[in-house]
C-alpha atoms as a PDB file:
ATOM      1  CA  MET A   1       7.827  14.712  -8.049  1.00  0.00           C
ATOM      2  CA  VAL A   2      10.054  12.243  -5.827  1.00  0.00           C
ATOM      3  CA  VAL A   3       7.122  11.406  -3.447  1.00  0.00           C
ATOM      4  CA  THR A   4       4.835  10.550  -6.476  1.00  0.00           C
ATOM      5  CA  SER A   5       7.579   8.484  -8.082  1.00  0.00           C
ATOM      6  CA  VAL A   6       8.192   6.550  -4.920  1.00  0.00           C
ATOM      7  CA  TRP A   7       4.530   5.591  -4.793  1.00  0.00           C
ATOM      8  CA  TYR A   8       4.458   4.433  -8.497  1.00  0.00           C
ATOM      9  CA  PHE A   9       7.469   2.309  -8.126  1.00  0.00           C
ATOM     10  CA  ALA A  10       6.265   0.774  -4.990  1.00  0.00           C
ATOM     11  CA  CYS A  11       2.836   0.072  -6.760  1.00  0.00           C
ATOM     12  CA  TRP A  12       4.781  -1.256  -9.637  1.00  0.00           C
ATOM     13  CA  VAL A  13       6.943  -3.768  -7.678  1.00  0.00           C
ATOM     14  CA  CYS A  14       3.779  -5.008  -5.763  1.00  0.00           C
ATOM     15  CA  ARG A  15       2.115  -5.655  -9.152  1.00  0.00           C
ATOM     16  CA  ARG A  16       5.140  -7.366 -10.515  1.00  0.00           C
ATOM     17  CA  LEU A  17       4.964  -9.680  -7.499  1.00  0.00           C
ATOM     18  CA  LYS A  18       1.226 -10.218  -7.954  1.00  0.00           C
ATOM     19  CA  ILE A  19       0.064  -8.903  -4.804  1.00  0.00           C
ATOM     20  CA  ASP A  20      -3.614  -8.342  -4.016  1.00  0.00           C
ATOM     21  CA  ASP A  21      -4.814  -4.829  -5.146  1.00  0.00           C
ATOM     22  CA  ASP A  22      -5.881  -3.858  -1.597  1.00  0.00           C
ATOM     23  CA  ILE A  23      -2.597  -4.738  -0.079  1.00  0.00           C
ATOM     24  CA  THR A  24      -0.795  -3.009  -3.055  1.00  0.00           C
ATOM     25  CA  MET A  25      -2.398   0.230  -2.301  1.00  0.00           C
ATOM     26  CA  MET A  26      -1.727  -0.044   1.327  1.00  0.00           C
ATOM     27  CA  ILE A  27       1.971  -0.860   0.953  1.00  0.00           C
ATOM     28  CA  SER A  28       2.477   1.885  -1.752  1.00  0.00           C
ATOM     29  CA  SER A  29       0.839   4.565   0.569  1.00  0.00           C
ATOM     30  CA  ALA A  30       2.809   3.400   3.679  1.00  0.00           C
ATOM     31  CA  VAL A  31       6.058   3.482   1.902  1.00  0.00           C
ATOM     32  CA  PHE A  32       5.547   6.941   0.109  1.00  0.00           C
ATOM     33  CA  ILE A  33       3.957   8.744   3.035  1.00  0.00           C
ATOM     34  CA  CYS A  34       5.155   7.836   6.675  1.00  0.00           C
ATOM     35  CA  GLY A  35       5.018   4.187   7.393  1.00  0.00           C
ATOM     36  CA  VAL A  36       2.647   2.457   9.830  1.00  0.00           C
ATOM     37  CA  SER A  37       0.202   5.177  10.610  1.00  0.00           C
ATOM     38  CA  ALA A  38      -0.341   5.579   6.562  1.00  0.00           C
ATOM     39  CA  ALA A  39      -0.956   1.750   6.461  1.00  0.00           C
ATOM     40  CA  ILE A  40      -3.363   1.808   9.105  1.00  0.00           C
ATOM     41  CA  ALA A  41      -5.225   4.961   7.672  1.00  0.00           C
ATOM     42  CA  THR A  42      -5.195   3.230   4.022  1.00  0.00           C
ATOM     43  CA  ALA A  43      -6.436   0.054   5.544  1.00  0.00           C
ATOM     44  CA  GLY A  44      -9.366   1.692   6.876  1.00  0.00           C
ATOM     45  CA  ALA A  45     -10.061   3.694   3.794  1.00  0.00           C
ATOM     46  CA  ILE A  46     -10.111   0.952   1.307  1.00  0.00           C
ATOM     47  CA  LYS A  47     -12.336  -1.181   3.643  1.00  0.00           C
ATOM     48  CA  GLY A  48     -10.801  -4.341   2.416  1.00  0.00           C
ATOM     49  CA  ASP A  49     -11.105  -7.815   3.867  1.00  0.00           C
ATOM     50  CA  SER A  50      -9.242  -7.722   7.435  1.00  0.00           C
ATOM     51  CA  LYS A  51      -7.892 -11.393   6.956  1.00  0.00           C
ATOM     52  CA  ASN A  52      -5.530 -10.105   4.257  1.00  0.00           C
ATOM     53  CA  TYR A  53      -3.952  -7.749   6.609  1.00  0.00           C
ATOM     54  CA  LEU A  54      -3.357 -10.274   9.405  1.00  0.00           C
ATOM     55  CA  MET A  55       0.236 -11.632   8.905  1.00  0.00           C
END
């Protein structure tokens, strides 16, 4: 229950900040799973524009 709550909270914060949907999913998954490895896996899974992830 805590893990799901953390994902929804991270998603809600990103949407309040008007962050792109692809990046919102990547950030939410990275926060609730384990960090960088989850972000890399999610970025590959959503097949978003790689220009968005280069910061």
